[in-house]
Amino acid sequence: MRRIDSHTIGVAQGDTILFSDFEHDGEMWSGSGPRMRNKTIEFDSPFKTPPVVHCNLSMWDIDKATNMRADISAEGITTTGFTVVFRTWGDTRVARVRIAWMAIGALPNDDDWDVL
């Protein structure tokens, strides 16, 4: 469990289209084997320390004739943002993916002291 030692807690959230490969016969739609897409997400305001980030698929458009394989994660989490990563493999054909995310963490506080 992560304990947040602050009375000032922030929640940032968003929903973003990660890719739409069906329109231009892109790699996620026409390719096979291991494939990956990522996108950098920046928070509107920085957190005091790197927050906890949760990502999920809010929309996926996938070919019904192939196996549905997907892995989604938040990587490189900092106080100012993170990278959302979507992976698939095998014969899976993914037309479009939209990602919803939420970050929860401590915010900077005027009462914080930085003593040198």
N, C-alpha and C. Protein backbone atom coordinates (compact mmCIF):
# COMPACT_ATOMS: atom_id res chain seq x y z
N MET A 1 0.84 -1.18 0.00
CA MET A 1 0.00 0.00 0.00
C MET A 1 0.88 1.24 0.00
N ARG A 2 0.46 2.23 -0.71
CA ARG A 2 1.19 3.49 -0.74
C ARG A 2 0.47 4.47 0.18
N ARG A 3 1.18 5.02 1.14
CA ARG A 3 0.62 5.99 2.07
C ARG A 3 0.99 7.39 1.59
N ILE A 4 -0.01 8.24 1.45
CA ILE A 4 0.22 9.62 1.01
C ILE A 4 0.23 10.49 2.26
N ASP A 5 1.37 11.09 2.52
CA ASP A 5 1.59 11.88 3.72
C ASP A 5 1.28 13.34 3.45
N SER A 6 0.04 13.65 3.18
CA SER A 6 -0.31 15.02 2.85
C SER A 6 -1.80 15.23 3.04
N HIS A 7 -2.14 16.45 3.38
CA HIS A 7 -3.56 16.80 3.43
C HIS A 7 -4.00 17.35 2.09
N THR A 8 -3.05 17.51 1.18
CA THR A 8 -3.33 18.04 -0.15
C THR A 8 -3.11 16.93 -1.17
N ILE A 9 -4.21 16.32 -1.58
CA ILE A 9 -4.14 15.21 -2.53
C ILE A 9 -4.81 15.65 -3.82
N GLY A 10 -4.17 15.33 -4.94
CA GLY A 10 -4.72 15.70 -6.24
C GLY A 10 -5.09 14.48 -7.05
N VAL A 11 -6.09 14.66 -7.89
CA VAL A 11 -6.51 13.63 -8.83
C VAL A 11 -6.53 14.26 -10.22
N ALA A 12 -5.78 13.69 -11.13
CA ALA A 12 -5.78 14.12 -12.53
C ALA A 12 -6.33 12.96 -13.35
N GLN A 13 -7.07 13.29 -14.39
CA GLN A 13 -7.61 12.22 -15.22
C GLN A 13 -7.77 12.71 -16.65
N GLY A 14 -7.84 11.74 -17.55
CA GLY A 14 -8.00 12.09 -18.95
C GLY A 14 -8.43 10.89 -19.77
N ASP A 15 -8.72 11.15 -21.02
CA ASP A 15 -9.16 10.15 -21.97
C ASP A 15 -8.59 10.58 -23.32
N THR A 16 -7.80 9.72 -23.93
CA THR A 16 -7.12 10.11 -25.16
C THR A 16 -7.09 8.97 -26.17
N ILE A 17 -7.24 9.30 -27.44
CA ILE A 17 -7.10 8.29 -28.49
C ILE A 17 -5.61 8.00 -28.65
N LEU A 18 -5.26 6.74 -28.52
CA LEU A 18 -3.86 6.34 -28.63
C LEU A 18 -3.46 6.15 -30.10
N PHE A 19 -4.34 5.53 -30.87
CA PHE A 19 -4.09 5.38 -32.30
C PHE A 19 -5.38 5.00 -33.02
N SER A 20 -5.36 5.18 -34.32
CA SER A 20 -6.45 4.79 -35.20
C SER A 20 -5.82 4.29 -36.50
N ASP A 21 -5.47 3.00 -36.52
CA ASP A 21 -4.72 2.43 -37.64
C ASP A 21 -5.58 1.92 -38.78
N PHE A 22 -6.86 1.74 -38.55
CA PHE A 22 -7.74 1.23 -39.58
C PHE A 22 -7.81 2.18 -40.78
N GLU A 23 -7.82 3.48 -40.50
CA GLU A 23 -7.99 4.50 -41.54
C GLU A 23 -6.88 4.47 -42.59
N HIS A 24 -5.66 4.14 -42.16
CA HIS A 24 -4.52 4.19 -43.09
C HIS A 24 -3.77 2.86 -43.16
N ASP A 25 -4.45 1.76 -42.79
CA ASP A 25 -3.87 0.41 -42.87
C ASP A 25 -2.55 0.33 -42.09
N GLY A 26 -2.53 0.95 -40.90
CA GLY A 26 -1.33 0.98 -40.08
C GLY A 26 -0.94 -0.36 -39.49
N GLU A 27 0.19 -0.38 -38.83
CA GLU A 27 0.79 -1.61 -38.33
C GLU A 27 -0.11 -2.38 -37.35
N MET A 28 -0.84 -1.69 -36.49
CA MET A 28 -1.70 -2.38 -35.52
C MET A 28 -2.84 -3.11 -36.22
N TRP A 29 -3.27 -2.58 -37.36
CA TRP A 29 -4.36 -3.20 -38.11
C TRP A 29 -3.86 -4.23 -39.10
N SER A 30 -2.79 -3.94 -39.80
CA SER A 30 -2.34 -4.83 -40.88
C SER A 30 -1.16 -5.72 -40.49
N GLY A 31 -0.49 -5.42 -39.39
CA GLY A 31 0.70 -6.18 -39.00
C GLY A 31 0.39 -7.43 -38.20
N SER A 32 1.44 -8.12 -37.80
CA SER A 32 1.32 -9.29 -36.93
C SER A 32 2.57 -9.36 -36.07
N GLY A 33 2.53 -10.23 -35.08
CA GLY A 33 3.65 -10.35 -34.16
C GLY A 33 3.61 -9.25 -33.11
N PRO A 34 4.70 -9.11 -32.34
CA PRO A 34 4.72 -8.09 -31.27
C PRO A 34 4.67 -6.67 -31.85
N ARG A 35 3.74 -5.87 -31.34
CA ARG A 35 3.61 -4.47 -31.75
C ARG A 35 3.32 -3.62 -30.52
N MET A 36 3.74 -2.37 -30.58
CA MET A 36 3.58 -1.49 -29.43
C MET A 36 3.32 -0.06 -29.91
N ARG A 37 2.49 0.65 -29.15
CA ARG A 37 2.28 2.08 -29.34
C ARG A 37 2.36 2.74 -27.97
N ASN A 38 2.90 3.95 -27.93
CA ASN A 38 2.93 4.67 -26.66
C ASN A 38 2.64 6.15 -26.90
N LYS A 39 2.28 6.80 -25.81
CA LYS A 39 1.98 8.23 -25.88
C LYS A 39 2.33 8.85 -24.54
N THR A 40 3.00 9.99 -24.60
CA THR A 40 3.36 10.71 -23.38
C THR A 40 2.18 11.56 -22.94
N ILE A 41 1.84 11.44 -21.67
CA ILE A 41 0.77 12.22 -21.06
C ILE A 41 1.40 13.18 -20.07
N GLU A 42 1.05 14.45 -20.16
CA GLU A 42 1.57 15.45 -19.22
C GLU A 42 0.42 15.93 -18.34
N PHE A 43 0.67 16.03 -17.03
CA PHE A 43 -0.33 16.52 -16.10
C PHE A 43 -0.45 18.04 -16.24
N ASP A 44 -1.63 18.57 -15.97
CA ASP A 44 -1.84 20.03 -16.00
C ASP A 44 -0.99 20.74 -14.97
N SER A 45 -0.83 20.11 -13.80
CA SER A 45 -0.01 20.65 -12.71
C SER A 45 0.83 19.51 -12.15
N PRO A 46 2.05 19.81 -11.70
CA PRO A 46 2.89 18.72 -11.17
C PRO A 46 2.43 18.24 -9.79
N PHE A 47 2.70 16.98 -9.53
CA PHE A 47 2.49 16.40 -8.21
C PHE A 47 3.75 16.63 -7.37
N LYS A 48 3.64 16.46 -6.06
CA LYS A 48 4.79 16.61 -5.16
C LYS A 48 5.77 15.45 -5.35
N THR A 49 5.24 14.27 -5.48
CA THR A 49 6.00 13.05 -5.75
C THR A 49 5.29 12.31 -6.88
N PRO A 50 5.94 11.35 -7.53
CA PRO A 50 5.25 10.62 -8.60
C PRO A 50 3.96 9.98 -8.08
N PRO A 51 2.84 10.22 -8.75
CA PRO A 51 1.56 9.69 -8.30
C PRO A 51 1.37 8.22 -8.67
N VAL A 52 0.30 7.65 -8.18
CA VAL A 52 -0.14 6.33 -8.61
C VAL A 52 -0.98 6.56 -9.87
N VAL A 53 -0.70 5.82 -10.93
CA VAL A 53 -1.42 6.01 -12.20
C VAL A 53 -2.12 4.71 -12.58
N HIS A 54 -3.38 4.84 -12.94
CA HIS A 54 -4.18 3.71 -13.41
C HIS A 54 -4.61 3.99 -14.85
N CYS A 55 -4.44 3.01 -15.73
CA CYS A 55 -4.85 3.13 -17.13
C CYS A 55 -5.81 2.00 -17.47
N ASN A 56 -6.76 2.29 -18.33
CA ASN A 56 -7.64 1.24 -18.83
C ASN A 56 -8.10 1.58 -20.25
N LEU A 57 -8.57 0.58 -20.94
CA LEU A 57 -9.12 0.79 -22.27
C LEU A 57 -10.52 1.40 -22.12
N SER A 58 -10.74 2.56 -22.70
CA SER A 58 -12.09 3.13 -22.67
C SER A 58 -12.81 2.86 -23.99
N MET A 59 -12.04 2.44 -25.01
CA MET A 59 -12.63 2.01 -26.28
C MET A 59 -11.57 1.22 -27.03
N TRP A 60 -11.98 0.10 -27.58
CA TRP A 60 -11.12 -0.59 -28.52
C TRP A 60 -11.98 -1.17 -29.62
N ASP A 61 -11.48 -1.04 -30.80
CA ASP A 61 -12.14 -1.52 -32.01
C ASP A 61 -11.21 -2.58 -32.57
N ILE A 62 -11.65 -3.83 -32.50
CA ILE A 62 -10.76 -4.94 -32.81
C ILE A 62 -11.45 -5.92 -33.75
N ASP A 63 -10.69 -6.54 -34.62
CA ASP A 63 -11.21 -7.50 -35.60
C ASP A 63 -11.74 -8.74 -34.88
N LYS A 64 -12.98 -9.11 -35.16
CA LYS A 64 -13.59 -10.28 -34.50
C LYS A 64 -13.03 -11.61 -35.03
N ALA A 65 -12.34 -11.60 -36.16
CA ALA A 65 -11.84 -12.83 -36.75
C ALA A 65 -10.49 -13.28 -36.16
N THR A 66 -9.88 -12.44 -35.34
CA THR A 66 -8.58 -12.79 -34.75
C THR A 66 -8.70 -12.80 -33.22
N ASN A 67 -7.69 -13.35 -32.57
CA ASN A 67 -7.67 -13.36 -31.11
C ASN A 67 -7.51 -11.94 -30.56
N MET A 68 -8.20 -11.65 -29.47
CA MET A 68 -8.13 -10.33 -28.84
C MET A 68 -7.04 -10.35 -27.77
N ARG A 69 -5.92 -9.69 -28.06
CA ARG A 69 -4.79 -9.65 -27.14
C ARG A 69 -4.42 -8.20 -26.90
N ALA A 70 -4.31 -7.81 -25.63
CA ALA A 70 -3.93 -6.43 -25.32
C ALA A 70 -3.27 -6.37 -23.96
N ASP A 71 -2.27 -5.53 -23.87
CA ASP A 71 -1.59 -5.24 -22.61
C ASP A 71 -1.42 -3.73 -22.55
N ILE A 72 -1.85 -3.12 -21.45
CA ILE A 72 -1.74 -1.67 -21.31
C ILE A 72 -1.08 -1.36 -19.97
N SER A 73 -0.19 -0.38 -19.98
CA SER A 73 0.51 -0.04 -18.74
C SER A 73 0.91 1.43 -18.74
N ALA A 74 1.18 1.94 -17.54
CA ALA A 74 1.72 3.29 -17.35
C ALA A 74 3.19 3.11 -16.99
N GLU A 75 4.08 3.72 -17.75
CA GLU A 75 5.51 3.57 -17.51
C GLU A 75 6.16 4.94 -17.38
N GLY A 76 7.32 4.98 -16.74
CA GLY A 76 8.08 6.21 -16.62
C GLY A 76 7.32 7.31 -15.88
N ILE A 77 6.63 6.96 -14.82
CA ILE A 77 5.81 7.92 -14.08
C ILE A 77 6.71 8.90 -13.33
N THR A 78 6.45 10.20 -13.55
CA THR A 78 7.17 11.27 -12.85
C THR A 78 6.15 12.22 -12.24
N THR A 79 6.63 13.28 -11.62
CA THR A 79 5.73 14.26 -11.03
C THR A 79 4.98 15.06 -12.10
N THR A 80 5.47 15.04 -13.33
CA THR A 80 4.86 15.86 -14.39
C THR A 80 4.13 15.07 -15.46
N GLY A 81 4.24 13.73 -15.45
CA GLY A 81 3.56 12.94 -16.45
C GLY A 81 4.01 11.50 -16.49
N PHE A 82 3.61 10.79 -17.54
CA PHE A 82 3.94 9.37 -17.70
C PHE A 82 3.77 8.99 -19.16
N THR A 83 4.14 7.78 -19.48
CA THR A 83 3.93 7.24 -20.83
C THR A 83 2.96 6.08 -20.73
N VAL A 84 1.88 6.14 -21.50
CA VAL A 84 0.95 5.02 -21.58
C VAL A 84 1.42 4.13 -22.73
N VAL A 85 1.47 2.82 -22.46
CA VAL A 85 1.98 1.87 -23.45
C VAL A 85 0.92 0.80 -23.72
N PHE A 86 0.63 0.58 -25.00
CA PHE A 86 -0.30 -0.46 -25.44
C PHE A 86 0.50 -1.47 -26.25
N ARG A 87 0.33 -2.75 -25.93
CA ARG A 87 1.01 -3.81 -26.66
C ARG A 87 0.01 -4.86 -27.12
N THR A 88 0.29 -5.44 -28.27
CA THR A 88 -0.45 -6.59 -28.75
C THR A 88 0.54 -7.51 -29.46
N TRP A 89 0.09 -8.69 -29.85
CA TRP A 89 0.99 -9.66 -30.46
C TRP A 89 0.17 -10.68 -31.25
N GLY A 90 0.88 -11.59 -31.92
CA GLY A 90 0.22 -12.64 -32.70
C GLY A 90 -0.53 -12.07 -33.88
N ASP A 91 -1.70 -12.64 -34.15
CA ASP A 91 -2.50 -12.23 -35.30
C ASP A 91 -3.54 -11.15 -34.98
N THR A 92 -3.52 -10.62 -33.78
CA THR A 92 -4.51 -9.62 -33.36
C THR A 92 -4.48 -8.41 -34.28
N ARG A 93 -5.67 -7.96 -34.69
CA ARG A 93 -5.82 -6.79 -35.56
C ARG A 93 -6.61 -5.73 -34.79
N VAL A 94 -5.94 -4.63 -34.46
CA VAL A 94 -6.56 -3.56 -33.68
C VAL A 94 -6.74 -2.34 -34.57
N ALA A 95 -7.98 -1.91 -34.72
CA ALA A 95 -8.28 -0.75 -35.56
C ALA A 95 -8.04 0.55 -34.81
N ARG A 96 -8.59 0.66 -33.59
CA ARG A 96 -8.49 1.90 -32.80
C ARG A 96 -8.45 1.56 -31.31
N VAL A 97 -7.78 2.44 -30.56
CA VAL A 97 -7.74 2.31 -29.10
C VAL A 97 -7.83 3.70 -28.48
N ARG A 98 -8.69 3.82 -27.46
CA ARG A 98 -8.75 5.02 -26.64
C ARG A 98 -8.44 4.61 -25.20
N ILE A 99 -7.64 5.41 -24.53
CA ILE A 99 -7.17 5.11 -23.18
C ILE A 99 -7.73 6.12 -22.19
N ALA A 100 -8.27 5.62 -21.08
CA ALA A 100 -8.65 6.48 -19.96
C ALA A 100 -7.60 6.27 -18.87
N TRP A 101 -7.26 7.35 -18.17
CA TRP A 101 -6.24 7.25 -17.12
C TRP A 101 -6.62 8.13 -15.94
N MET A 102 -6.06 7.77 -14.77
CA MET A 102 -6.26 8.54 -13.56
C MET A 102 -4.98 8.49 -12.74
N ALA A 103 -4.56 9.66 -12.25
CA ALA A 103 -3.38 9.77 -11.39
C ALA A 103 -3.81 10.34 -10.05
N ILE A 104 -3.36 9.72 -8.96
CA ILE A 104 -3.69 10.18 -7.61
C ILE A 104 -2.40 10.30 -6.83
N GLY A 105 -2.19 11.46 -6.21
CA GLY A 105 -0.97 11.65 -5.44
C GLY A 105 -0.96 12.94 -4.66
N ALA A 106 0.10 13.10 -3.89
CA ALA A 106 0.28 14.30 -3.08
C ALA A 106 0.62 15.49 -3.96
N LEU A 107 0.10 16.65 -3.58
CA LEU A 107 0.38 17.89 -4.29
C LEU A 107 1.32 18.75 -3.46
N PRO A 108 2.07 19.62 -4.12
CA PRO A 108 2.90 20.57 -3.37
C PRO A 108 2.01 21.43 -2.47
N ASN A 109 2.55 21.80 -1.32
CA ASN A 109 1.80 22.56 -0.35
C ASN A 109 2.63 23.76 0.09
N ASP A 110 2.01 24.90 0.30
CA ASP A 110 2.72 26.10 0.75
C ASP A 110 3.44 25.88 2.08
N ASP A 111 2.97 24.91 2.87
CA ASP A 111 3.60 24.63 4.16
C ASP A 111 4.82 23.73 4.05
N ASP A 112 5.12 23.23 2.85
CA ASP A 112 6.31 22.40 2.66
C ASP A 112 7.56 23.26 2.79
N TRP A 113 8.55 22.76 3.47
CA TRP A 113 9.81 23.48 3.65
C TRP A 113 10.92 22.71 2.97
N ASP A 114 11.78 23.43 2.32
CA ASP A 114 12.96 22.83 1.70
C ASP A 114 14.17 23.42 2.39
N VAL A 115 14.63 22.72 3.43
CA VAL A 115 15.75 23.21 4.23
C VAL A 115 17.05 22.64 3.65
N LEU A 116 17.98 23.53 3.36
CA LEU A 116 19.26 23.08 2.79
C LEU A 116 20.27 22.81 3.86
